[in-house]
Amino acid sequence: MRPLTVFGTSSDAGKTSVVMALCRIFADRQLRVAPFKAQNVSNNSAVTLENREISRAQCLQAEAARVEPSYLFNPVLLKSQGNSSVQVIVNGLVHQNQSIADYYTHLDTLKQAVRESFAQLCQDYDGVIAEGAGSPVELNLLDKDLSNTFIAKTFNTKNILVADIERGGVFASIYGTLELLDPELRKNLLGVIINKFRGDRRFFDEGEKIIAERFGVPVLGVLPFQAINIDMEDSQSLQNYQQRLDNVKIRIAVIAYPGLSNYNDLDVLMADSEISVELVSRYRPLQTFDLLLLPGSKTVIRDLHWLKQQGLFEEIQRFTKPIFGLCGGYQMLCAELADPDALEHDTPCLEQGLNFIRERVTYQTPKILHRGDYSLFEHHVIRGYEIHGGRMPQHPLYFQQGRIAGTHVHGVFDDDAWRTDYFRAIDSHYCGFNYGEYRADQIQSFADMVAENVDIDAILKGLQDH
């Protein structure tokens, strides 16, 4: 089966969710497929069983495909460090911190890693479904484009174009992309998927004819708007999330600092109808909340500076109810944060933390990457993963004393038993829910919607043509 690349007419056109759905649809047809994204830019990452780090989006797609995530699925991951610099992760391990300009000067090395990963997946799986990045016709960046043109031309992939109708101008975006698209990529284009359609489907019948007849490309399907509320790719998705607030028992303030990362830890809380989650991105009084949550941060010391500048540092210290810290947020709860080698911050520094935990955090290399089962919080066995450079010798995994608690382990709230116990200690009427079932339903229902509205047989037939 030929590999497939899913392009978008723009960023946020829906490439990630379409790839996820196709992974599940193909898996339901007994095909073993691997998701792939050559280069992802995200502070939302997870750890594979190889103890390597990849984007959460590719982990979600692997879950949909019913295969174990691998660093091969996302060979290049860029994490923003602020100040126009990125942490470059190659094959799941930290390569180096670079300016954006320096990053682009070393693309040949990265191309080799991408090429080797994709070739290995083509050997190991029935098919590979690659997700593009942004648009495949960013003309000033084509020579630097790892995820679109490089993959599609190197491996002669078949291609699909996803267009977002919700933002308007769908005909212009499709036409412009087709006109600017590399002739080789255009030749291998199977068709267009219209995404995020709202209203009566019949109103787009004429639109399909226009695209097919005037643009010369078939419409493979029109997808009605359907949100998928897990593994959100960016903080804007968090802001747009519509919670089900029909049975609220606990109000949580999530401190949304600029370096917020691994916000998939919030998915389970935002899906819980008994929990109200509010993102706090500027100063406000916090005493009306039942719990403060300090989530992960890619730039912990810089985000501590931000807390102090906003006035939230003192507000958190005055808070008298439960406080929970996750990874970078856990480290902020400590007395001091030391970065002698400038791994976390621009210059070597020693920063005062919130001082709820009498311990110094020290940033060291290599980054700790581990996935497995952890014994946490009075011997709850919780499946999760660690991604952090900060070391806490006295409390390396977790801390709990009175109302203050935290852990380096991501995924702790996904554990139904522990989450229920923790929230019942805050409100005895909290009931809890099965997050695993909710998550599985989100994936399957979205995939079923795509299968119902897209000509999957035409795609599969196109992938068999050589």
Protein backbone atom coordinates (compact mmCIF):
# COMPACT_ATOMS: atom_id res chain seq x y z
CA MET A 1 0.00 0.00 0.00
CA ARG A 2 1.38 3.42 -0.97
CA PRO A 3 2.04 5.85 1.91
CA LEU A 4 -0.40 8.73 2.27
CA THR A 5 0.25 12.38 3.16
CA VAL A 6 -2.55 14.57 4.50
CA PHE A 7 -1.97 18.22 3.58
CA GLY A 8 -3.97 21.22 4.78
CA THR A 9 -4.81 24.46 3.05
CA SER A 10 -3.63 26.17 6.25
CA SER A 11 -2.69 25.54 9.86
CA ASP A 12 -5.58 24.19 11.96
CA ALA A 13 -7.43 22.92 8.88
CA GLY A 14 -7.91 19.60 10.68
CA LYS A 15 -4.96 17.49 9.49
CA THR A 16 -4.27 15.97 12.91
CA SER A 17 -7.84 14.80 13.50
CA VAL A 18 -8.27 13.53 9.92
CA VAL A 19 -5.06 11.48 10.22
CA MET A 20 -6.28 10.16 13.57
CA ALA A 21 -9.61 9.15 12.06
CA LEU A 22 -8.00 7.46 9.05
CA CYS A 23 -5.70 5.53 11.39
CA ARG A 24 -8.72 4.13 13.24
CA ILE A 25 -10.72 3.47 10.06
CA PHE A 26 -7.84 1.58 8.46
CA ALA A 27 -7.23 -0.34 11.71
CA ASP A 28 -10.93 -1.29 11.76
CA ARG A 29 -10.35 -2.73 8.28
CA GLN A 30 -7.53 -4.88 9.65
CA LEU A 31 -4.73 -2.78 8.23
CA ARG A 32 -1.72 -2.09 10.44
CA VAL A 33 -0.83 1.55 9.84
CA ALA A 34 1.58 3.98 11.45
CA PRO A 35 1.00 7.74 11.87
CA PHE A 36 3.88 10.04 11.05
CA LYS A 37 4.84 13.68 11.29
CA ALA A 38 8.35 14.55 10.18
CA GLN A 39 8.59 17.71 12.25
CA ASN A 40 6.17 18.89 14.90
CA VAL A 41 6.30 22.15 16.85
CA SER A 42 4.66 21.55 20.21
CA ASN A 43 5.29 21.75 23.93
CA ASN A 44 2.71 19.00 24.39
CA SER A 45 4.64 15.75 24.33
CA ALA A 46 4.64 12.25 25.77
CA VAL A 47 7.10 9.41 26.35
CA THR A 48 7.11 6.13 24.43
CA LEU A 49 8.04 2.70 25.79
CA GLU A 50 11.47 3.32 24.25
CA ASN A 51 11.79 6.17 26.77
CA ARG A 52 11.84 8.67 23.91
CA GLU A 53 9.80 11.87 23.58
CA ILE A 54 7.32 12.65 20.78
CA SER A 55 4.38 14.95 20.19
CA ARG A 56 1.10 14.07 21.91
CA ALA A 57 -0.63 14.34 18.53
CA GLN A 58 1.28 11.35 17.16
CA CYS A 59 0.58 9.43 20.38
CA LEU A 60 -3.14 10.08 19.87
CA GLN A 61 -2.92 8.93 16.25
CA ALA A 62 -1.07 5.78 17.36
CA GLU A 63 -3.78 5.11 19.92
CA ALA A 64 -6.36 5.41 17.14
CA ALA A 65 -4.33 3.03 14.97
CA ARG A 66 -4.12 0.61 17.91
CA VAL A 67 -0.31 0.49 17.72
CA GLU A 68 2.33 1.33 20.31
CA PRO A 69 3.73 4.87 19.93
CA SER A 70 7.34 5.09 18.74
CA TYR A 71 9.89 7.85 18.29
CA LEU A 72 9.85 6.86 14.61
CA PHE A 73 6.39 8.48 14.34
CA ASN A 74 7.81 11.96 15.06
CA PRO A 75 11.57 12.08 14.40
CA VAL A 76 11.89 15.86 14.84
CA LEU A 77 10.13 17.74 17.63
CA LEU A 78 10.68 21.42 18.34
CA LYS A 79 9.83 22.87 21.75
CA SER A 80 9.71 26.62 22.17
CA GLN A 81 12.22 28.00 24.65
CA GLY A 82 11.14 31.60 24.15
CA ASN A 83 13.32 34.42 22.81
CA SER A 84 13.27 32.90 19.28
CA SER A 85 14.99 29.71 20.41
CA VAL A 86 13.87 26.08 20.37
CA GLN A 87 14.83 22.81 21.96
CA VAL A 88 15.46 20.41 19.08
CA ILE A 89 14.53 16.80 19.81
CA VAL A 90 15.74 14.24 17.26
CA ASN A 91 14.64 10.60 17.38
CA GLY A 92 13.03 11.27 20.75
CA LEU A 93 16.13 12.66 22.51
CA VAL A 94 17.31 16.21 23.09
CA HIS A 95 19.72 17.19 20.31
CA GLN A 96 20.44 20.79 21.29
CA ASN A 97 18.95 24.18 21.98
CA GLN A 98 19.20 26.47 18.98
CA SER A 99 18.01 29.74 17.59
CA ILE A 100 15.48 29.36 14.77
CA ALA A 101 18.11 30.63 12.31
CA ASP A 102 20.67 28.03 13.43
CA TYR A 103 18.06 25.30 13.27
CA TYR A 104 17.44 25.96 9.58
CA THR A 105 21.15 25.73 8.79
CA HIS A 106 21.30 22.09 9.97
CA LEU A 107 18.37 20.68 8.04
CA ASP A 108 20.40 18.12 6.12
CA THR A 109 21.10 16.18 9.32
CA LEU A 110 17.42 16.30 10.22
CA LYS A 111 16.38 15.18 6.75
CA GLN A 112 18.46 12.05 7.21
CA ALA A 113 16.70 11.24 10.50
CA VAL A 114 13.30 11.83 8.88
CA ARG A 115 14.17 9.72 5.84
CA GLU A 116 15.38 6.80 7.95
CA SER A 117 12.33 6.85 10.24
CA PHE A 118 9.85 6.94 7.36
CA ALA A 119 11.65 4.18 5.45
CA GLN A 120 11.65 1.97 8.55
CA LEU A 121 7.92 2.46 9.08
CA CYS A 122 7.22 1.58 5.44
CA GLN A 123 8.96 -1.74 6.08
CA ASP A 124 7.27 -2.45 9.40
CA TYR A 125 3.63 -1.50 8.62
CA ASP A 126 1.04 -2.08 5.93
CA GLY A 127 0.90 1.66 5.39
CA VAL A 128 2.03 5.03 6.72
CA ILE A 129 -0.26 8.07 7.08
CA ALA A 130 1.83 11.22 7.26
CA GLU A 131 0.53 14.52 8.57
CA GLY A 132 1.72 17.65 6.83
CA ALA A 133 2.44 20.93 8.57
CA GLY A 134 0.73 24.25 7.91
CA SER A 135 0.35 24.54 4.15
CA PRO A 136 2.37 22.68 1.48
CA VAL A 137 2.69 25.88 -0.56
CA GLU A 138 4.57 28.23 1.76
CA LEU A 139 6.78 29.24 -1.16
CA ASN A 140 9.46 30.96 0.90
CA LEU A 141 9.94 27.86 3.05
CA LEU A 142 9.74 25.01 0.54
CA ASP A 143 13.45 24.23 0.83
CA LYS A 144 13.04 24.06 4.62
CA ASP A 145 9.80 22.04 4.62
CA LEU A 146 10.33 18.60 6.19
CA SER A 147 6.70 17.60 6.69
CA ASN A 148 5.09 18.34 3.32
CA THR A 149 7.15 18.51 0.12
CA PHE A 150 10.17 16.60 1.42
CA ILE A 151 8.16 13.55 2.52
CA ALA A 152 5.73 13.59 -0.42
CA LYS A 153 8.48 13.83 -3.05
CA THR A 154 11.05 11.58 -1.38
CA PHE A 155 8.59 8.73 -0.89
CA ASN A 156 6.21 9.46 -3.79
CA THR A 157 3.21 9.49 -1.45
CA LYS A 158 -0.40 9.74 -2.47
CA ASN A 159 -1.92 12.92 -1.06
CA ILE A 160 -5.14 14.35 0.34
CA LEU A 161 -5.88 18.04 0.88
CA VAL A 162 -7.98 19.10 3.90
CA ALA A 163 -9.73 22.48 3.70
CA ASP A 164 -11.36 24.27 6.63
CA ILE A 165 -14.70 25.73 5.52
CA GLU A 166 -15.42 27.32 8.91
CA ARG A 167 -12.93 30.16 8.48
CA GLY A 168 -14.43 31.18 5.11
CA GLY A 169 -12.84 31.44 1.67
CA VAL A 170 -12.73 27.68 1.17
CA PHE A 171 -12.81 27.87 -2.64
CA ALA A 172 -9.99 30.40 -2.78
CA SER A 173 -7.90 28.39 -0.32
CA ILE A 174 -8.33 25.18 -2.34
CA TYR A 175 -7.77 26.86 -5.70
CA GLY A 176 -4.73 28.77 -4.50
CA THR A 177 -3.18 25.66 -2.96
CA LEU A 178 -3.75 23.62 -6.12
CA GLU A 179 -2.30 26.33 -8.35
CA LEU A 180 0.84 26.67 -6.23
CA LEU A 181 1.27 22.97 -5.45
CA ASP A 182 4.32 21.19 -6.82
CA PRO A 183 3.24 19.37 -10.05
CA GLU A 184 4.45 16.03 -8.70
CA LEU A 185 2.39 16.45 -5.52
CA ARG A 186 -0.62 17.57 -7.55
CA LYS A 187 -0.32 14.50 -9.80
CA ASN A 188 -0.56 12.25 -6.71
CA LEU A 189 -3.52 14.12 -5.19
CA LEU A 190 -6.45 11.78 -4.51
CA GLY A 191 -8.88 14.55 -3.65
CA VAL A 192 -10.07 17.14 -1.17
CA ILE A 193 -11.83 16.76 2.18
CA ILE A 194 -13.95 19.71 3.29
CA ASN A 195 -13.74 20.00 7.07
CA LYS A 196 -15.83 21.69 9.82
CA PHE A 197 -19.03 22.15 7.79
CA ARG A 198 -21.98 23.50 9.78
CA GLY A 199 -25.61 23.44 8.72
CA ASP A 200 -27.53 21.61 6.01
CA ARG A 201 -25.15 19.44 4.00
CA ARG A 202 -27.23 19.90 0.83
CA PHE A 203 -26.17 23.54 0.62
CA PHE A 204 -22.70 22.40 -0.42
CA ASP A 205 -23.77 20.13 -3.29
CA GLU A 206 -23.09 22.93 -5.77
CA GLY A 207 -19.76 23.58 -4.06
CA GLU A 208 -18.68 20.00 -4.69
CA LYS A 209 -19.48 20.35 -8.38
CA ILE A 210 -17.47 23.57 -8.61
CA ILE A 211 -14.40 21.96 -7.03
CA ALA A 212 -14.66 18.83 -9.18
CA GLU A 213 -15.45 20.52 -12.49
CA ARG A 214 -13.61 23.84 -12.31
CA PHE A 215 -10.65 22.82 -10.15
CA GLY A 216 -10.33 19.29 -11.56
CA VAL A 217 -10.07 17.50 -8.24
CA PRO A 218 -12.65 15.20 -6.61
CA VAL A 219 -14.23 15.96 -3.26
CA LEU A 220 -13.69 12.86 -1.14
CA GLY A 221 -16.06 14.02 1.56
CA VAL A 222 -17.59 16.85 3.55
CA LEU A 223 -17.14 16.53 7.32
CA PRO A 224 -19.68 18.13 9.66
CA PHE A 225 -18.16 20.09 12.51
CA GLN A 226 -17.44 17.73 15.41
CA ALA A 227 -15.05 18.68 18.18
CA ILE A 228 -12.71 16.07 19.59
CA ASN A 229 -11.90 17.06 23.14
CA ILE A 230 -8.77 15.09 23.89
CA ASP A 231 -5.07 15.80 23.32
CA MET A 232 -5.70 19.38 22.27
CA GLU A 233 -2.74 20.60 20.24
CA ASP A 234 -2.43 24.16 21.48
CA SER A 235 -3.47 26.53 24.22
CA GLN A 236 -6.02 28.16 21.91
CA SER A 237 -7.89 24.83 21.82
CA LEU A 238 -8.03 24.98 25.62
CA GLN A 239 -9.51 28.47 25.49
CA ASN A 240 -12.19 27.32 23.03
CA TYR A 241 -13.13 24.14 24.90
CA GLN A 242 -16.79 24.00 25.89
CA GLN A 243 -17.12 22.18 29.21
CA ARG A 244 -20.20 20.26 30.33
CA LEU A 245 -20.97 22.20 33.50
CA ASP A 246 -24.26 20.64 34.55
CA ASN A 247 -23.18 19.08 37.84
CA VAL A 248 -20.28 21.15 39.18
CA LYS A 249 -18.93 20.23 42.60
CA ILE A 250 -15.32 21.49 42.41
CA ARG A 251 -13.93 24.67 40.84
CA ILE A 252 -10.29 24.48 39.74
CA ALA A 253 -8.09 27.42 38.79
CA VAL A 254 -5.38 26.35 36.34
CA ILE A 255 -2.49 28.80 36.25
CA ALA A 256 -1.95 29.33 32.52
CA TYR A 257 1.55 30.81 32.36
CA PRO A 258 3.10 31.63 28.96
CA GLY A 259 5.24 28.47 28.97
CA LEU A 260 2.30 26.16 29.69
CA SER A 261 3.08 22.66 28.40
CA ASN A 262 1.65 19.15 28.48
CA TYR A 263 -1.83 20.57 28.85
CA ASN A 264 -3.24 17.17 27.91
CA ASP A 265 -3.11 16.65 31.69
CA LEU A 266 -6.14 18.95 31.73
CA ASP A 267 -8.20 16.90 29.25
CA VAL A 268 -9.68 14.62 31.88
CA LEU A 269 -10.58 17.55 34.14
CA MET A 270 -12.25 19.52 31.36
CA ALA A 271 -14.23 16.42 30.33
CA ASP A 272 -15.54 15.91 33.86
CA SER A 273 -19.05 17.35 34.32
CA GLU A 274 -18.39 17.66 38.09
CA ILE A 275 -15.35 19.88 37.58
CA SER A 276 -15.23 23.49 36.44
CA VAL A 277 -11.82 24.44 35.01
CA GLU A 278 -10.88 28.09 34.60
CA LEU A 279 -7.60 29.15 32.99
CA VAL A 280 -5.98 32.02 34.90
CA SER A 281 -3.66 33.95 32.57
CA ARG A 282 -3.50 37.26 34.47
CA TYR A 283 -3.91 38.45 38.04
CA ARG A 284 -7.20 37.78 39.76
CA PRO A 285 -8.24 36.81 43.31
CA LEU A 286 -8.18 33.04 43.72
CA GLN A 287 -9.90 32.35 47.04
CA THR A 288 -13.24 31.49 45.41
CA PHE A 289 -11.72 28.35 43.86
CA ASP A 290 -11.61 24.97 45.59
CA LEU A 291 -8.24 23.91 44.12
CA LEU A 292 -5.26 25.54 42.43
CA LEU A 293 -3.48 23.53 39.76
CA LEU A 294 -0.01 24.50 38.55
CA PRO A 295 0.46 22.48 35.32
CA GLY A 296 3.59 21.70 33.34
CA SER A 297 5.87 24.44 32.06
CA LYS A 298 8.54 24.35 29.37
CA THR A 299 10.22 27.45 30.86
CA VAL A 300 9.78 27.06 34.62
CA ILE A 301 12.00 29.90 35.84
CA ARG A 302 10.72 32.33 33.22
CA ASP A 303 7.15 31.40 34.21
CA LEU A 304 8.01 31.99 37.88
CA HIS A 305 9.14 35.48 36.88
CA TRP A 306 5.81 35.91 35.11
CA LEU A 307 3.89 34.84 38.25
CA LYS A 308 5.76 37.46 40.24
CA GLN A 309 5.21 40.19 37.66
CA GLN A 310 1.49 39.42 37.52
CA GLY A 311 1.04 39.42 41.29
CA LEU A 312 -0.08 35.78 41.15
CA PHE A 313 2.96 34.54 43.08
CA GLU A 314 1.80 36.19 46.30
CA GLU A 315 -1.83 35.31 45.54
CA ILE A 316 -0.90 31.63 45.32
CA GLN A 317 1.07 31.85 48.56
CA ARG A 318 -2.02 33.35 50.27
CA PHE A 319 -4.31 30.60 48.96
CA THR A 320 -5.56 28.46 51.86
CA LYS A 321 -7.13 25.49 50.04
CA PRO A 322 -5.55 22.52 48.20
CA ILE A 323 -2.75 23.20 45.70
CA PHE A 324 -1.47 20.63 43.23
CA GLY A 325 1.62 20.92 41.01
CA LEU A 326 2.41 18.89 37.90
CA CYS A 327 5.99 18.58 36.63
CA GLY A 328 7.15 22.19 36.16
CA GLY A 329 4.31 23.32 38.41
CA TYR A 330 5.49 20.78 41.00
CA GLN A 331 8.96 22.31 40.89
CA MET A 332 7.52 25.80 41.42
CA LEU A 333 6.16 24.62 44.78
CA CYS A 334 9.73 24.20 46.06
CA ALA A 335 11.84 26.68 48.03
CA GLU A 336 14.52 27.28 45.39
CA LEU A 337 15.16 26.45 41.74
CA ALA A 338 18.83 26.32 40.73
CA ASP A 339 20.01 26.40 37.13
CA PRO A 340 23.82 26.58 37.37
CA ASP A 341 24.42 25.59 33.73
CA ALA A 342 21.67 27.77 32.17
CA LEU A 343 19.76 24.72 30.95
CA GLU A 344 16.37 26.10 31.92
CA HIS A 345 16.95 29.83 31.70
CA ASP A 346 18.98 32.25 29.57
CA THR A 347 21.71 32.65 32.20
CA PRO A 348 22.76 30.68 35.31
CA CYS A 349 20.47 31.59 38.17
CA LEU A 350 18.98 30.69 41.53
CA GLU A 351 15.28 31.54 41.76
CA GLN A 352 12.98 31.63 44.78
CA GLY A 353 10.02 29.27 44.49
CA LEU A 354 6.67 29.28 46.26
CA ASN A 355 8.30 27.53 49.27
CA PHE A 356 5.50 25.06 49.99
CA ILE A 357 8.05 22.22 49.72
CA ARG A 358 11.34 22.71 51.57
CA GLU A 359 13.59 21.54 48.77
CA ARG A 360 15.88 22.89 46.07
CA VAL A 361 15.29 21.89 42.44
CA THR A 362 18.48 21.58 40.37
CA TYR A 363 18.38 21.45 36.56
CA GLN A 364 20.73 18.89 35.04
CA THR A 365 21.24 16.85 31.91
CA PRO A 366 20.21 14.49 30.54
CA LYS A 367 16.49 15.13 30.58
CA ILE A 368 14.63 12.41 32.50
CA LEU A 369 12.40 10.47 30.09
CA HIS A 370 10.53 7.48 31.47
CA ARG A 371 7.20 5.79 31.01
CA GLY A 372 5.77 3.06 33.21
CA ASP A 373 3.85 2.24 36.38
CA TYR A 374 4.57 4.43 39.42
CA SER A 375 3.76 3.91 43.10
CA LEU A 376 2.47 7.33 44.17
CA PHE A 377 0.38 8.93 46.91
CA GLU A 378 0.06 6.19 49.51
CA HIS A 379 0.84 3.36 47.11
CA HIS A 380 -1.58 4.05 44.29
CA VAL A 381 -0.06 2.38 41.22
CA ILE A 382 -0.50 4.88 38.41
CA ARG A 383 0.55 4.55 34.77
CA GLY A 384 2.20 7.71 33.47
CA TYR A 385 5.43 9.25 32.23
CA GLU A 386 8.13 11.76 33.18
CA ILE A 387 9.66 14.52 31.02
CA HIS A 388 11.81 16.91 33.06
CA GLY A 389 15.31 18.21 33.65
CA GLY A 390 14.76 19.30 37.26
CA ARG A 391 16.00 17.00 40.03
CA MET A 392 14.40 16.89 43.50
CA PRO A 393 16.51 14.48 45.60
CA GLN A 394 14.12 14.32 48.57
CA HIS A 395 10.91 14.00 46.58
CA PRO A 396 11.89 12.84 43.08
CA LEU A 397 8.45 11.54 42.12
CA TYR A 398 5.80 13.10 44.35
CA PHE A 399 4.99 15.06 47.50
CA GLN A 400 1.87 15.14 49.64
CA GLN A 401 1.54 16.87 52.97
CA GLY A 402 -1.72 18.37 54.10
CA ARG A 403 -3.25 20.48 51.35
CA ILE A 404 -0.03 20.63 49.23
CA ALA A 405 0.62 17.89 46.69
CA GLY A 406 2.39 17.40 43.40
CA THR A 407 4.23 15.00 41.12
CA HIS A 408 6.60 14.82 38.18
CA VAL A 409 4.40 12.10 36.65
CA HIS A 410 2.13 13.18 33.80
CA GLY A 411 -1.19 11.34 33.47
CA VAL A 412 -1.90 11.08 37.19
CA PHE A 413 -5.42 12.53 36.83
CA ASP A 414 -6.20 9.98 34.09
CA ASP A 415 -6.23 7.31 36.81
CA ASP A 416 -9.91 7.00 37.80
CA ALA A 417 -9.32 5.51 41.25
CA TRP A 418 -6.72 8.06 42.38
CA ARG A 419 -8.57 11.01 40.87
CA THR A 420 -11.81 10.01 42.60
CA ASP A 421 -10.08 9.62 45.97
CA TYR A 422 -8.31 12.97 45.62
CA PHE A 423 -11.41 14.95 44.67
CA ARG A 424 -13.61 13.24 47.25
CA ALA A 425 -11.21 14.51 49.89
CA ILE A 426 -12.10 18.02 48.63
CA ASP A 427 -15.84 17.33 48.20
CA SER A 428 -17.30 14.10 49.56
CA HIS A 429 -20.14 14.26 47.01
CA TYR A 430 -17.79 13.92 44.04
CA CYS A 431 -18.71 10.77 42.07
CA GLY A 432 -16.09 10.45 39.31
CA PHE A 433 -16.30 8.91 35.85
CA ASN A 434 -14.50 6.45 33.57
CA TYR A 435 -12.06 8.55 31.58
CA GLY A 436 -10.77 5.59 29.56
CA GLU A 437 -14.26 4.93 28.21
CA TYR A 438 -14.76 8.63 27.48
CA ARG A 439 -11.47 8.82 25.61
CA ALA A 440 -12.17 5.69 23.57
CA ASP A 441 -15.59 7.04 22.65
CA GLN A 442 -14.11 10.37 21.51
CA ILE A 443 -11.76 8.58 19.12
CA GLN A 444 -14.27 6.07 17.79
CA SER A 445 -17.16 8.49 17.36
CA PHE A 446 -14.99 10.92 15.40
CA ALA A 447 -13.62 8.11 13.22
CA ASP A 448 -17.14 6.79 12.61
CA MET A 449 -18.26 10.26 11.53
CA VAL A 450 -15.36 10.48 9.07
CA ALA A 451 -16.05 6.98 7.74
CA GLU A 452 -19.67 7.92 7.15
CA ASN A 453 -18.86 11.14 5.28
CA VAL A 454 -15.67 10.32 3.33
CA ASP A 455 -15.22 7.90 0.43
CA ILE A 456 -12.78 5.58 2.19
CA ASP A 457 -12.94 3.00 -0.60
CA ALA A 458 -11.72 5.62 -3.08
CA ILE A 459 -8.79 6.45 -0.80
CA LEU A 460 -7.85 2.81 -0.35
CA LYS A 461 -8.12 2.17 -4.08
CA GLY A 462 -5.87 5.17 -4.74
CA LEU A 463 -3.30 3.81 -2.31
CA GLN A 464 -3.15 0.52 -4.21
CA ASP A 465 -2.32 2.20 -7.54
CA HIS A 466 1.37 2.18 -8.46
